[in-house]
Amino acid sequence: MNPIFRYLIMNKQVALLRGINVGGNKKVPMALLRQMLSEMGFESPKTLLNSGNVVFETNEKDETQLVEKLEKQIEKTFGFHVNVMVRTMEEIKNLLKLDPFKKIPIEKDIRLYVTFLPKISQSQLKLPFISLEKDFQIIQKTSREVFSVLNLKTAKSVDSMAFWKKNSGKILPRGIGIQLKKSQKSESNDRRQRFPYNFLFHGRGMGKVANRKP
């Protein structure tokens, strides 16, 4: 394919896989996942650690069809169903530009989370929300993402989606929770300006805040 034509039609997509490689369950080797995507015709698949979250290029623009294709092929390849959520790379970049955690002091016991929802949230909860114990905050949301902060000094874990279900007025579809880590001070200023956060895709279940150290 002509490189210029390819550049015009290909889109970078980020696929988030729920609950794999946790406690020995639903094992998905990253090398096999990348191979599967390549055999499906997707280009340049790249995975992050052992999370099952992957970046790839495709000319497929319909998110629903893309999710269906991925879930069907994952089940065929690995023998079990995995829920998949997809975002374009542009959507991820827009979240970084939003920088919702810029006013949150980064300390040892502070965890930053983004919960990705499969469809638009109808929640009317007034934000920012701060729990009675002041250990959990929901500071901002977009149409399909929720940004929250957890303080481990007083809390070990929080099921943020359970809270949303209780307070939204309707049951929300469960989302994939992702922990963010501020880029280290040792990194160059240029890099920290372009990538203010390192994405740590923990994959421990949809919406469940994982007790993971930065």
N, C-alpha and C. Protein backbone atom coordinates (compact mmCIF):
# COMPACT_ATOMS: atom_id res chain seq x y z
N MET A 1 0.84 -1.20 0.00
CA MET A 1 0.00 0.00 0.00
C MET A 1 0.88 1.25 0.00
N ASN A 2 0.48 2.21 -0.82
CA ASN A 2 1.19 3.48 -0.85
C ASN A 2 1.20 4.10 0.55
N PRO A 3 2.39 4.48 1.08
CA PRO A 3 2.48 5.02 2.44
C PRO A 3 1.57 6.22 2.68
N ILE A 4 1.42 7.08 1.70
CA ILE A 4 0.57 8.26 1.86
C ILE A 4 -0.89 7.85 1.98
N PHE A 5 -1.32 6.92 1.12
CA PHE A 5 -2.70 6.44 1.17
C PHE A 5 -2.97 5.74 2.48
N ARG A 6 -2.00 4.93 2.92
CA ARG A 6 -2.15 4.21 4.19
C ARG A 6 -2.31 5.19 5.35
N TYR A 7 -1.53 6.24 5.34
CA TYR A 7 -1.59 7.25 6.41
C TYR A 7 -2.98 7.88 6.47
N LEU A 8 -3.62 8.06 5.31
CA LEU A 8 -4.91 8.74 5.25
C LEU A 8 -6.05 7.87 5.75
N ILE A 9 -5.96 6.55 5.58
CA ILE A 9 -7.09 5.69 5.92
C ILE A 9 -6.93 4.95 7.24
N MET A 10 -5.72 4.82 7.77
CA MET A 10 -5.52 4.03 8.97
C MET A 10 -5.73 4.88 10.23
N ASN A 11 -6.36 4.28 11.24
CA ASN A 11 -6.59 4.93 12.52
C ASN A 11 -5.91 4.14 13.62
N LYS A 12 -5.32 4.84 14.57
CA LYS A 12 -4.78 4.17 15.75
C LYS A 12 -5.90 3.98 16.75
N GLN A 13 -6.05 2.76 17.23
CA GLN A 13 -7.08 2.42 18.20
C GLN A 13 -6.43 1.83 19.45
N VAL A 14 -7.07 2.02 20.58
CA VAL A 14 -6.64 1.43 21.84
C VAL A 14 -7.74 0.48 22.31
N ALA A 15 -7.41 -0.79 22.45
CA ALA A 15 -8.38 -1.77 22.95
C ALA A 15 -8.03 -2.12 24.39
N LEU A 16 -9.03 -2.08 25.27
CA LEU A 16 -8.87 -2.40 26.68
C LEU A 16 -9.59 -3.71 26.96
N LEU A 17 -8.88 -4.70 27.45
CA LEU A 17 -9.45 -6.02 27.72
C LEU A 17 -9.71 -6.18 29.21
N ARG A 18 -10.89 -6.66 29.54
CA ARG A 18 -11.28 -6.78 30.94
C ARG A 18 -10.82 -8.08 31.58
N GLY A 19 -10.23 -7.94 32.77
CA GLY A 19 -10.04 -9.06 33.69
C GLY A 19 -9.24 -10.23 33.19
N ILE A 20 -8.19 -10.00 32.39
CA ILE A 20 -7.36 -11.12 31.95
C ILE A 20 -6.07 -11.15 32.76
N ASN A 21 -5.44 -12.34 32.80
CA ASN A 21 -4.14 -12.52 33.45
C ASN A 21 -4.16 -12.07 34.91
N VAL A 22 -5.27 -12.35 35.60
CA VAL A 22 -5.40 -12.00 37.02
C VAL A 22 -5.63 -13.29 37.82
N GLY A 23 -4.74 -13.56 38.75
CA GLY A 23 -4.89 -14.74 39.59
C GLY A 23 -4.88 -16.05 38.83
N GLY A 24 -4.19 -16.07 37.69
CA GLY A 24 -4.10 -17.29 36.91
C GLY A 24 -5.31 -17.57 36.04
N ASN A 25 -6.25 -16.61 36.01
CA ASN A 25 -7.48 -16.80 35.23
C ASN A 25 -7.40 -16.07 33.90
N LYS A 26 -8.07 -16.63 32.90
CA LYS A 26 -8.15 -16.03 31.57
C LYS A 26 -6.78 -15.57 31.08
N LYS A 27 -5.88 -16.51 30.94
CA LYS A 27 -4.53 -16.19 30.52
C LYS A 27 -4.48 -15.86 29.03
N VAL A 28 -3.97 -14.68 28.75
CA VAL A 28 -3.81 -14.24 27.37
C VAL A 28 -2.37 -13.77 27.18
N PRO A 29 -1.49 -14.61 26.64
CA PRO A 29 -0.12 -14.18 26.38
C PRO A 29 -0.09 -13.03 25.39
N MET A 30 0.70 -12.02 25.70
CA MET A 30 0.73 -10.82 24.86
C MET A 30 1.23 -11.11 23.45
N ALA A 31 2.19 -12.00 23.34
CA ALA A 31 2.70 -12.33 22.00
C ALA A 31 1.60 -12.94 21.13
N LEU A 32 0.78 -13.81 21.73
CA LEU A 32 -0.32 -14.42 20.98
C LEU A 32 -1.41 -13.40 20.66
N LEU A 33 -1.63 -12.45 21.57
CA LEU A 33 -2.61 -11.41 21.31
C LEU A 33 -2.18 -10.54 20.14
N ARG A 34 -0.90 -10.18 20.11
CA ARG A 34 -0.39 -9.38 18.98
C ARG A 34 -0.48 -10.17 17.68
N GLN A 35 -0.16 -11.47 17.76
CA GLN A 35 -0.24 -12.31 16.57
C GLN A 35 -1.67 -12.39 16.07
N MET A 36 -2.62 -12.54 16.99
CA MET A 36 -4.03 -12.61 16.62
C MET A 36 -4.47 -11.35 15.87
N LEU A 37 -4.07 -10.19 16.40
CA LEU A 37 -4.45 -8.92 15.78
C LEU A 37 -3.84 -8.79 14.38
N SER A 38 -2.59 -9.21 14.25
CA SER A 38 -1.94 -9.16 12.94
C SER A 38 -2.66 -10.04 11.94
N GLU A 39 -3.05 -11.24 12.38
CA GLU A 39 -3.76 -12.17 11.49
C GLU A 39 -5.15 -11.66 11.13
N MET A 40 -5.72 -10.78 11.96
CA MET A 40 -7.01 -10.17 11.66
C MET A 40 -6.88 -9.02 10.67
N GLY A 41 -5.63 -8.66 10.34
CA GLY A 41 -5.42 -7.59 9.39
C GLY A 41 -5.11 -6.24 10.01
N PHE A 42 -5.05 -6.19 11.35
CA PHE A 42 -4.68 -4.96 12.03
C PHE A 42 -3.16 -4.79 11.98
N GLU A 43 -2.71 -3.57 11.92
CA GLU A 43 -1.28 -3.30 11.76
C GLU A 43 -0.65 -2.75 13.03
N SER A 44 0.66 -3.04 13.17
CA SER A 44 1.51 -2.50 14.23
C SER A 44 0.93 -2.67 15.63
N PRO A 45 0.45 -3.88 16.00
CA PRO A 45 -0.09 -4.06 17.35
C PRO A 45 1.01 -3.99 18.40
N LYS A 46 0.75 -3.24 19.46
CA LYS A 46 1.69 -3.10 20.56
C LYS A 46 0.93 -3.24 21.87
N THR A 47 1.44 -4.09 22.76
CA THR A 47 0.80 -4.31 24.05
C THR A 47 1.59 -3.64 25.16
N LEU A 48 0.91 -3.42 26.30
CA LEU A 48 1.54 -2.79 27.46
C LEU A 48 1.66 -3.81 28.57
N LEU A 49 2.92 -4.11 28.95
CA LEU A 49 3.18 -5.07 30.02
C LEU A 49 2.37 -6.35 29.75
N ASN A 50 1.70 -6.88 30.80
CA ASN A 50 0.90 -8.10 30.64
C ASN A 50 -0.58 -7.79 30.80
N SER A 51 -0.95 -6.54 30.52
CA SER A 51 -2.29 -6.05 30.82
C SER A 51 -3.35 -6.51 29.84
N GLY A 52 -2.96 -6.79 28.59
CA GLY A 52 -3.94 -7.10 27.57
C GLY A 52 -4.52 -5.88 26.91
N ASN A 53 -3.98 -4.72 27.21
CA ASN A 53 -4.39 -3.50 26.54
C ASN A 53 -3.42 -3.24 25.40
N VAL A 54 -3.99 -2.92 24.23
CA VAL A 54 -3.18 -2.95 23.02
C VAL A 54 -3.52 -1.78 22.11
N VAL A 55 -2.49 -1.25 21.46
CA VAL A 55 -2.63 -0.21 20.46
C VAL A 55 -2.37 -0.83 19.09
N PHE A 56 -3.21 -0.49 18.12
CA PHE A 56 -3.03 -1.03 16.78
C PHE A 56 -3.62 -0.07 15.75
N GLU A 57 -3.35 -0.34 14.49
CA GLU A 57 -3.86 0.50 13.41
C GLU A 57 -4.87 -0.28 12.57
N THR A 58 -5.92 0.40 12.15
CA THR A 58 -6.96 -0.24 11.36
C THR A 58 -7.70 0.80 10.54
N ASN A 59 -8.33 0.37 9.47
CA ASN A 59 -9.19 1.28 8.71
C ASN A 59 -10.65 1.14 9.15
N GLU A 60 -10.91 0.29 10.14
CA GLU A 60 -12.26 0.13 10.69
C GLU A 60 -12.61 1.35 11.53
N LYS A 61 -13.72 2.01 11.24
CA LYS A 61 -14.11 3.22 11.95
C LYS A 61 -15.33 3.03 12.84
N ASP A 62 -16.05 1.92 12.67
CA ASP A 62 -17.24 1.66 13.46
C ASP A 62 -16.84 0.97 14.77
N GLU A 63 -16.98 1.68 15.90
CA GLU A 63 -16.53 1.16 17.19
C GLU A 63 -17.26 -0.11 17.58
N THR A 64 -18.57 -0.14 17.38
CA THR A 64 -19.36 -1.31 17.76
C THR A 64 -18.91 -2.55 16.99
N GLN A 65 -18.73 -2.41 15.68
CA GLN A 65 -18.29 -3.54 14.87
C GLN A 65 -16.89 -3.98 15.27
N LEU A 66 -16.02 -3.03 15.59
CA LEU A 66 -14.66 -3.36 15.98
C LEU A 66 -14.65 -4.15 17.28
N VAL A 67 -15.44 -3.73 18.25
CA VAL A 67 -15.53 -4.45 19.52
C VAL A 67 -16.05 -5.86 19.30
N GLU A 68 -17.09 -6.01 18.48
CA GLU A 68 -17.66 -7.33 18.20
C GLU A 68 -16.63 -8.25 17.55
N LYS A 69 -15.88 -7.72 16.59
CA LYS A 69 -14.85 -8.52 15.92
C LYS A 69 -13.79 -8.99 16.91
N LEU A 70 -13.34 -8.09 17.76
CA LEU A 70 -12.29 -8.43 18.72
C LEU A 70 -12.78 -9.47 19.73
N GLU A 71 -13.97 -9.26 20.29
CA GLU A 71 -14.48 -10.21 21.28
C GLU A 71 -14.69 -11.59 20.67
N LYS A 72 -15.20 -11.64 19.45
CA LYS A 72 -15.44 -12.92 18.77
C LYS A 72 -14.13 -13.65 18.50
N GLN A 73 -13.11 -12.91 18.04
CA GLN A 73 -11.84 -13.56 17.70
C GLN A 73 -11.07 -13.96 18.95
N ILE A 74 -11.16 -13.17 20.02
CA ILE A 74 -10.51 -13.53 21.27
C ILE A 74 -11.08 -14.84 21.80
N GLU A 75 -12.40 -14.97 21.77
CA GLU A 75 -13.03 -16.21 22.25
C GLU A 75 -12.63 -17.39 21.38
N LYS A 76 -12.55 -17.18 20.08
CA LYS A 76 -12.16 -18.26 19.17
C LYS A 76 -10.71 -18.66 19.40
N THR A 77 -9.84 -17.68 19.66
CA THR A 77 -8.41 -17.94 19.81
C THR A 77 -8.05 -18.52 21.16
N PHE A 78 -8.66 -17.98 22.23
CA PHE A 78 -8.23 -18.35 23.59
C PHE A 78 -9.24 -19.23 24.33
N GLY A 79 -10.44 -19.37 23.79
CA GLY A 79 -11.40 -20.30 24.37
C GLY A 79 -12.28 -19.74 25.46
N PHE A 80 -12.30 -18.43 25.66
CA PHE A 80 -13.18 -17.82 26.66
C PHE A 80 -13.52 -16.40 26.22
N HIS A 81 -14.65 -15.91 26.75
CA HIS A 81 -15.10 -14.58 26.38
C HIS A 81 -14.39 -13.52 27.23
N VAL A 82 -14.02 -12.42 26.57
CA VAL A 82 -13.43 -11.27 27.24
C VAL A 82 -14.15 -10.01 26.76
N ASN A 83 -14.62 -9.20 27.69
CA ASN A 83 -15.23 -7.93 27.32
C ASN A 83 -14.14 -6.95 26.87
N VAL A 84 -14.40 -6.27 25.77
CA VAL A 84 -13.42 -5.36 25.19
C VAL A 84 -14.04 -3.96 25.07
N MET A 85 -13.25 -2.95 25.35
CA MET A 85 -13.65 -1.58 25.14
C MET A 85 -12.62 -0.91 24.24
N VAL A 86 -13.07 -0.02 23.38
CA VAL A 86 -12.17 0.60 22.40
C VAL A 86 -12.27 2.12 22.48
N ARG A 87 -11.12 2.77 22.36
CA ARG A 87 -11.04 4.22 22.20
C ARG A 87 -10.05 4.52 21.08
N THR A 88 -10.30 5.60 20.35
CA THR A 88 -9.32 6.02 19.36
C THR A 88 -8.14 6.67 20.08
N MET A 89 -7.00 6.70 19.42
CA MET A 89 -5.84 7.35 20.01
C MET A 89 -6.11 8.84 20.23
N GLU A 90 -6.90 9.45 19.34
CA GLU A 90 -7.24 10.86 19.51
C GLU A 90 -8.05 11.08 20.78
N GLU A 91 -8.94 10.15 21.11
CA GLU A 91 -9.71 10.27 22.35
C GLU A 91 -8.80 10.17 23.56
N ILE A 92 -7.81 9.29 23.50
CA ILE A 92 -6.85 9.17 24.60
C ILE A 92 -6.03 10.46 24.74
N LYS A 93 -5.58 10.99 23.62
CA LYS A 93 -4.81 12.23 23.64
C LYS A 93 -5.64 13.38 24.22
N ASN A 94 -6.92 13.42 23.89
CA ASN A 94 -7.78 14.48 24.42
C ASN A 94 -7.92 14.38 25.93
N LEU A 95 -7.93 13.16 26.46
CA LEU A 95 -7.98 12.99 27.91
C LEU A 95 -6.71 13.52 28.55
N LEU A 96 -5.57 13.29 27.92
CA LEU A 96 -4.31 13.80 28.44
C LEU A 96 -4.30 15.33 28.41
N LYS A 97 -4.83 15.91 27.36
CA LYS A 97 -4.89 17.36 27.27
C LYS A 97 -5.80 17.95 28.34
N LEU A 98 -6.84 17.21 28.67
CA LEU A 98 -7.77 17.67 29.70
C LEU A 98 -7.08 17.81 31.05
N ASP A 99 -6.14 16.91 31.33
CA ASP A 99 -5.32 16.95 32.54
C ASP A 99 -6.15 17.20 33.80
N PRO A 100 -7.11 16.33 34.11
CA PRO A 100 -8.02 16.57 35.24
C PRO A 100 -7.36 16.50 36.60
N PHE A 101 -6.16 15.91 36.68
CA PHE A 101 -5.50 15.74 37.97
C PHE A 101 -4.43 16.79 38.25
N LYS A 102 -4.41 17.85 37.48
CA LYS A 102 -3.32 18.81 37.59
C LYS A 102 -3.26 19.50 38.96
N LYS A 103 -4.39 19.57 39.66
CA LYS A 103 -4.40 20.22 40.97
C LYS A 103 -4.29 19.24 42.13
N ILE A 104 -4.12 17.96 41.81
CA ILE A 104 -4.01 16.93 42.85
C ILE A 104 -2.55 16.73 43.22
N PRO A 105 -2.17 16.97 44.49
CA PRO A 105 -0.78 16.74 44.91
C PRO A 105 -0.44 15.26 44.82
N ILE A 106 0.67 14.93 44.19
CA ILE A 106 1.07 13.54 44.00
C ILE A 106 1.94 13.09 45.17
N GLU A 107 1.38 12.21 45.99
CA GLU A 107 2.09 11.68 47.16
C GLU A 107 2.08 10.15 47.10
N LYS A 108 2.81 9.54 48.02
CA LYS A 108 2.99 8.10 48.00
C LYS A 108 1.67 7.33 48.06
N ASP A 109 0.72 7.82 48.84
CA ASP A 109 -0.53 7.09 49.05
C ASP A 109 -1.68 7.55 48.16
N ILE A 110 -1.41 8.42 47.22
CA ILE A 110 -2.44 8.93 46.33
C ILE A 110 -2.48 8.12 45.04
N ARG A 111 -3.67 7.69 44.63
CA ARG A 111 -3.85 6.96 43.39
C ARG A 111 -4.81 7.74 42.49
N LEU A 112 -4.47 7.83 41.23
CA LEU A 112 -5.28 8.52 40.23
C LEU A 112 -5.88 7.49 39.29
N TYR A 113 -7.18 7.61 39.02
CA TYR A 113 -7.85 6.62 38.19
C TYR A 113 -8.73 7.25 37.12
N VAL A 114 -8.76 6.60 35.97
CA VAL A 114 -9.74 6.91 34.94
C VAL A 114 -10.56 5.65 34.71
N THR A 115 -11.89 5.78 34.79
CA THR A 115 -12.77 4.66 34.49
C THR A 115 -13.42 4.91 33.14
N PHE A 116 -13.19 4.00 32.21
CA PHE A 116 -13.74 4.12 30.87
C PHE A 116 -15.08 3.39 30.81
N LEU A 117 -16.12 4.09 30.35
CA LEU A 117 -17.46 3.52 30.25
C LEU A 117 -17.77 3.14 28.81
N PRO A 118 -18.54 2.09 28.60
CA PRO A 118 -18.85 1.67 27.23
C PRO A 118 -19.88 2.55 26.54
N LYS A 119 -20.66 3.31 27.32
CA LYS A 119 -21.60 4.24 26.69
C LYS A 119 -21.75 5.48 27.55
N ILE A 120 -22.45 6.46 27.03
CA ILE A 120 -22.54 7.77 27.68
C ILE A 120 -23.19 7.66 29.05
N SER A 121 -22.57 8.30 30.04
CA SER A 121 -23.10 8.32 31.40
C SER A 121 -24.28 9.27 31.50
N GLN A 122 -25.31 8.83 32.24
CA GLN A 122 -26.48 9.66 32.49
C GLN A 122 -26.50 10.19 33.92
N SER A 123 -25.40 10.03 34.63
CA SER A 123 -25.35 10.43 36.03
C SER A 123 -25.54 11.93 36.20
N GLN A 124 -26.32 12.30 37.22
CA GLN A 124 -26.55 13.70 37.57
C GLN A 124 -25.82 14.08 38.85
N LEU A 125 -24.93 13.24 39.29
CA LEU A 125 -24.18 13.51 40.52
C LEU A 125 -23.39 14.80 40.40
N LYS A 126 -23.52 15.66 41.40
CA LYS A 126 -22.79 16.93 41.39
C LYS A 126 -21.32 16.68 41.71
N LEU A 127 -20.46 17.25 40.90
CA LEU A 127 -19.02 17.08 41.07
C LEU A 127 -18.36 18.41 41.40
N PRO A 128 -17.26 18.38 42.14
CA PRO A 128 -16.58 17.17 42.63
C PRO A 128 -17.33 16.53 43.80
N PHE A 129 -17.29 15.19 43.86
CA PHE A 129 -17.84 14.45 44.97
C PHE A 129 -16.70 14.02 45.88
N ILE A 130 -16.88 14.20 47.20
CA ILE A 130 -15.89 13.77 48.19
C ILE A 130 -16.60 12.89 49.21
N SER A 131 -16.07 11.71 49.45
CA SER A 131 -16.69 10.79 50.40
C SER A 131 -16.63 11.35 51.81
N LEU A 132 -17.47 10.81 52.70
CA LEU A 132 -17.51 11.28 54.08
C LEU A 132 -16.16 11.13 54.76
N GLU A 133 -15.46 10.04 54.42
CA GLU A 133 -14.14 9.80 55.01
C GLU A 133 -13.05 10.63 54.33
N LYS A 134 -13.41 11.29 53.24
CA LYS A 134 -12.49 12.13 52.47
C LYS A 134 -11.32 11.34 51.89
N ASP A 135 -11.55 10.04 51.69
CA ASP A 135 -10.49 9.21 51.12
C ASP A 135 -10.72 8.91 49.64
N PHE A 136 -11.90 9.29 49.14
CA PHE A 136 -12.24 9.00 47.74
C PHE A 136 -12.94 10.21 47.14
N GLN A 137 -12.46 10.63 45.96
CA GLN A 137 -13.05 11.77 45.28
C GLN A 137 -13.35 11.41 43.82
N ILE A 138 -14.48 11.87 43.33
CA ILE A 138 -14.74 11.87 41.90
C ILE A 138 -14.65 13.33 41.48
N ILE A 139 -13.62 13.67 40.75
CA ILE A 139 -13.33 15.09 40.53
C ILE A 139 -13.86 15.62 39.21
N GLN A 140 -14.08 14.73 38.24
CA GLN A 140 -14.51 15.22 36.93
C GLN A 140 -14.99 14.04 36.10
N LYS A 141 -15.75 14.32 35.05
CA LYS A 141 -16.15 13.27 34.11
C LYS A 141 -16.35 13.87 32.73
N THR A 142 -16.22 13.03 31.74
CA THR A 142 -16.59 13.38 30.38
C THR A 142 -17.84 12.55 30.06
N SER A 143 -18.21 12.46 28.82
CA SER A 143 -19.40 11.68 28.48
C SER A 143 -19.20 10.19 28.73
N ARG A 144 -17.93 9.70 28.61
CA ARG A 144 -17.69 8.26 28.77
C ARG A 144 -16.49 7.94 29.66
N GLU A 145 -16.02 8.92 30.46
CA GLU A 145 -14.91 8.66 31.37
C GLU A 145 -15.20 9.31 32.72
N VAL A 146 -14.70 8.68 33.76
CA VAL A 146 -14.83 9.21 35.12
C VAL A 146 -13.43 9.31 35.72
N PHE A 147 -13.10 10.45 36.33
CA PHE A 147 -11.78 10.68 36.91
C PHE A 147 -11.91 10.72 38.43
N SER A 148 -11.18 9.85 39.10
CA SER A 148 -11.30 9.77 40.55
C SER A 148 -9.93 9.66 41.22
N VAL A 149 -9.94 9.95 42.52
CA VAL A 149 -8.71 9.96 43.32
C VAL A 149 -8.95 9.16 44.59
N LEU A 150 -8.02 8.30 44.92
CA LEU A 150 -8.11 7.47 46.12
C LEU A 150 -6.90 7.73 47.01
N ASN A 151 -7.17 7.89 48.31
CA ASN A 151 -6.09 8.08 49.30
C ASN A 151 -5.96 6.80 50.12
N LEU A 152 -4.86 6.08 49.95
CA LEU A 152 -4.68 4.78 50.60
C LEU A 152 -4.33 4.90 52.08
N LYS A 153 -4.12 6.10 52.56
CA LYS A 153 -3.85 6.25 53.99
C LYS A 153 -5.03 5.77 54.82
N THR A 154 -6.22 5.96 54.29
CA THR A 154 -7.43 5.60 55.03
C THR A 154 -8.31 4.61 54.28
N ALA A 155 -7.97 4.30 53.03
CA ALA A 155 -8.80 3.36 52.25
C ALA A 155 -7.90 2.41 51.48
N LYS A 156 -8.28 1.14 51.44
CA LYS A 156 -7.52 0.15 50.71
C LYS A 156 -8.01 0.01 49.26
N SER A 157 -9.31 0.02 49.08
CA SER A 157 -9.86 -0.05 47.73
C SER A 157 -11.30 0.45 47.75
N VAL A 158 -11.77 0.87 46.57
CA VAL A 158 -13.13 1.39 46.44
C VAL A 158 -13.71 0.86 45.14
N ASP A 159 -14.93 0.37 45.18
CA ASP A 159 -15.61 -0.02 43.96
C ASP A 159 -16.35 1.21 43.44
N SER A 160 -15.68 1.97 42.59
CA SER A 160 -16.23 3.24 42.13
C SER A 160 -17.50 3.06 41.31
N MET A 161 -17.58 1.96 40.52
CA MET A 161 -18.76 1.76 39.70
C MET A 161 -19.98 1.44 40.55
N ALA A 162 -19.81 0.78 41.69
CA ALA A 162 -20.93 0.53 42.58
C ALA A 162 -21.49 1.85 43.09
N PHE A 163 -20.61 2.78 43.37
CA PHE A 163 -21.05 4.10 43.80
C PHE A 163 -21.84 4.79 42.71
N TRP A 164 -21.34 4.71 41.47
CA TRP A 164 -22.04 5.34 40.35
C TRP A 164 -23.41 4.72 40.16
N LYS A 165 -23.52 3.42 40.29
CA LYS A 165 -24.80 2.75 40.13
C LYS A 165 -25.81 3.26 41.16
N LYS A 166 -25.35 3.43 42.39
CA LYS A 166 -26.23 3.85 43.48
C LYS A 166 -26.68 5.28 43.32
N ASN A 167 -25.84 6.13 42.75
CA ASN A 167 -26.11 7.56 42.75
C ASN A 167 -26.48 8.15 41.39
N SER A 168 -26.49 7.35 40.36
CA SER A 168 -26.72 7.89 39.03
C SER A 168 -28.20 7.94 38.65
N GLY A 169 -29.05 7.24 39.39
CA GLY A 169 -30.45 7.22 39.04
C GLY A 169 -30.80 6.08 38.11
N LYS A 170 -29.80 5.42 37.56
CA LYS A 170 -30.03 4.24 36.72
C LYS A 170 -28.76 3.39 36.74
N ILE A 171 -28.90 2.14 36.38
CA ILE A 171 -27.74 1.25 36.37
C ILE A 171 -26.85 1.60 35.18
N LEU A 172 -25.59 1.85 35.47
CA LEU A 172 -24.63 2.16 34.42
C LEU A 172 -23.91 0.89 34.00
N PRO A 173 -23.53 0.79 32.74
CA PRO A 173 -22.69 -0.34 32.32
C PRO A 173 -21.35 -0.24 33.02
N ARG A 174 -20.76 -1.35 33.36
CA ARG A 174 -19.49 -1.32 34.08
C ARG A 174 -18.37 -0.87 33.17
N GLY A 175 -17.42 -0.16 33.74
CA GLY A 175 -16.32 0.39 32.96
C GLY A 175 -14.99 -0.21 33.35
N ILE A 176 -13.98 0.05 32.56
CA ILE A 176 -12.64 -0.44 32.86
C ILE A 176 -11.87 0.63 33.62
N GLY A 177 -11.42 0.31 34.81
CA GLY A 177 -10.66 1.26 35.61
C GLY A 177 -9.18 1.21 35.28
N ILE A 178 -8.57 2.36 35.12
CA ILE A 178 -7.15 2.45 34.78
C ILE A 178 -6.45 3.39 35.74
N GLN A 179 -5.35 2.92 36.31
CA GLN A 179 -4.57 3.75 37.20
C GLN A 179 -3.57 4.57 36.40
N LEU A 180 -3.47 5.84 36.75
CA LEU A 180 -2.48 6.71 36.11
C LEU A 180 -1.36 7.00 37.08
N LYS A 181 -0.18 7.22 36.54
CA LYS A 181 0.97 7.57 37.35
C LYS A 181 1.61 8.80 36.76
N LYS A 182 1.84 9.81 37.59
CA LYS A 182 2.50 11.01 37.11
C LYS A 182 3.89 10.68 36.59
N SER A 183 4.28 11.31 35.48
CA SER A 183 5.63 11.11 34.96
C SER A 183 6.64 11.62 35.97
N GLN A 184 7.74 10.91 36.08
CA GLN A 184 8.74 11.23 37.09
C GLN A 184 9.46 12.55 36.79
N LYS A 185 9.91 13.23 37.86
CA LYS A 185 10.60 14.50 37.70
C LYS A 185 11.91 14.35 36.94
N SER A 186 12.47 13.15 36.97
CA SER A 186 13.75 12.92 36.30
C SER A 186 13.62 12.95 34.79
N GLU A 187 12.37 12.81 34.29
CA GLU A 187 12.19 12.84 32.85
C GLU A 187 12.33 14.27 32.35
N SER A 188 12.63 14.40 31.07
CA SER A 188 12.82 15.71 30.49
C SER A 188 11.55 16.54 30.55
N ASN A 189 11.68 17.86 30.65
CA ASN A 189 10.52 18.73 30.68
C ASN A 189 9.69 18.57 29.41
N ASP A 190 10.38 18.36 28.28
CA ASP A 190 9.67 18.22 27.02
C ASP A 190 8.77 17.00 27.05
N ARG A 191 9.29 15.88 27.57
CA ARG A 191 8.49 14.67 27.62
C ARG A 191 7.32 14.82 28.58
N ARG A 192 7.57 15.47 29.75
CA ARG A 192 6.49 15.61 30.72
C ARG A 192 5.40 16.54 30.21
N GLN A 193 5.75 17.49 29.37
CA GLN A 193 4.73 18.36 28.80
C GLN A 193 3.88 17.61 27.78
N ARG A 194 4.51 16.71 27.02
CA ARG A 194 3.77 15.97 26.00
C ARG A 194 3.00 14.80 26.59
N PHE A 195 3.56 14.15 27.62
CA PHE A 195 2.94 12.98 28.23
C PHE A 195 2.92 13.16 29.75
N PRO A 196 1.95 13.94 30.28
CA PRO A 196 1.94 14.22 31.71
C PRO A 196 1.66 13.01 32.57
N TYR A 197 1.13 11.93 32.00
CA TYR A 197 0.86 10.73 32.78
C TYR A 197 1.37 9.50 32.04
N ASN A 198 1.77 8.50 32.82
CA ASN A 198 2.04 7.18 32.27
C ASN A 198 0.81 6.32 32.53
N PHE A 199 0.28 5.69 31.48
CA PHE A 199 -0.89 4.84 31.67
C PHE A 199 -0.46 3.49 32.22
N LEU A 200 -1.08 3.10 33.35
CA LEU A 200 -0.87 1.78 33.91
C LEU A 200 -2.19 1.03 33.82
N PHE A 201 -2.35 0.21 32.80
CA PHE A 201 -3.61 -0.49 32.59
C PHE A 201 -3.62 -1.73 33.48
N HIS A 202 -4.33 -1.64 34.62
CA HIS A 202 -4.22 -2.74 35.57
C HIS A 202 -5.10 -3.94 35.22
N GLY A 203 -6.22 -3.74 34.52
CA GLY A 203 -7.04 -4.86 34.06
C GLY A 203 -7.57 -5.76 35.15
N ARG A 204 -7.82 -5.24 36.35
CA ARG A 204 -8.26 -6.09 37.45
C ARG A 204 -9.79 -6.20 37.55
N GLY A 205 -10.49 -5.88 36.51
CA GLY A 205 -11.94 -5.96 36.56
C GLY A 205 -12.52 -4.59 36.28
N MET A 206 -13.68 -4.54 35.77
CA MET A 206 -14.22 -3.29 35.26
C MET A 206 -14.70 -2.40 36.40
N GLY A 207 -14.04 -1.27 36.56
CA GLY A 207 -14.46 -0.30 37.55
C GLY A 207 -13.90 -0.55 38.93
N LYS A 208 -13.26 -1.68 39.17
CA LYS A 208 -12.72 -1.98 40.49
C LYS A 208 -11.38 -1.29 40.66
N VAL A 209 -11.25 -0.48 41.69
CA VAL A 209 -10.00 0.22 41.92
C VAL A 209 -9.01 -0.74 42.54
N ALA A 210 -7.89 -0.91 41.91
CA ALA A 210 -6.90 -1.89 42.37
C ALA A 210 -5.92 -1.25 43.34
N ASN A 211 -5.52 -2.01 44.34
CA ASN A 211 -4.54 -1.55 45.32
C ASN A 211 -3.15 -1.81 44.78
N ARG A 212 -2.69 -0.89 43.93
CA ARG A 212 -1.38 -1.05 43.28
C ARG A 212 -0.51 0.14 43.59
N LYS A 213 0.71 -0.14 43.95
CA LYS A 213 1.66 0.94 44.24
C LYS A 213 2.13 1.56 42.96
N PRO A 214 2.46 2.89 42.98
CA PRO A 214 2.92 3.54 41.76
C PRO A 214 4.29 3.06 41.37
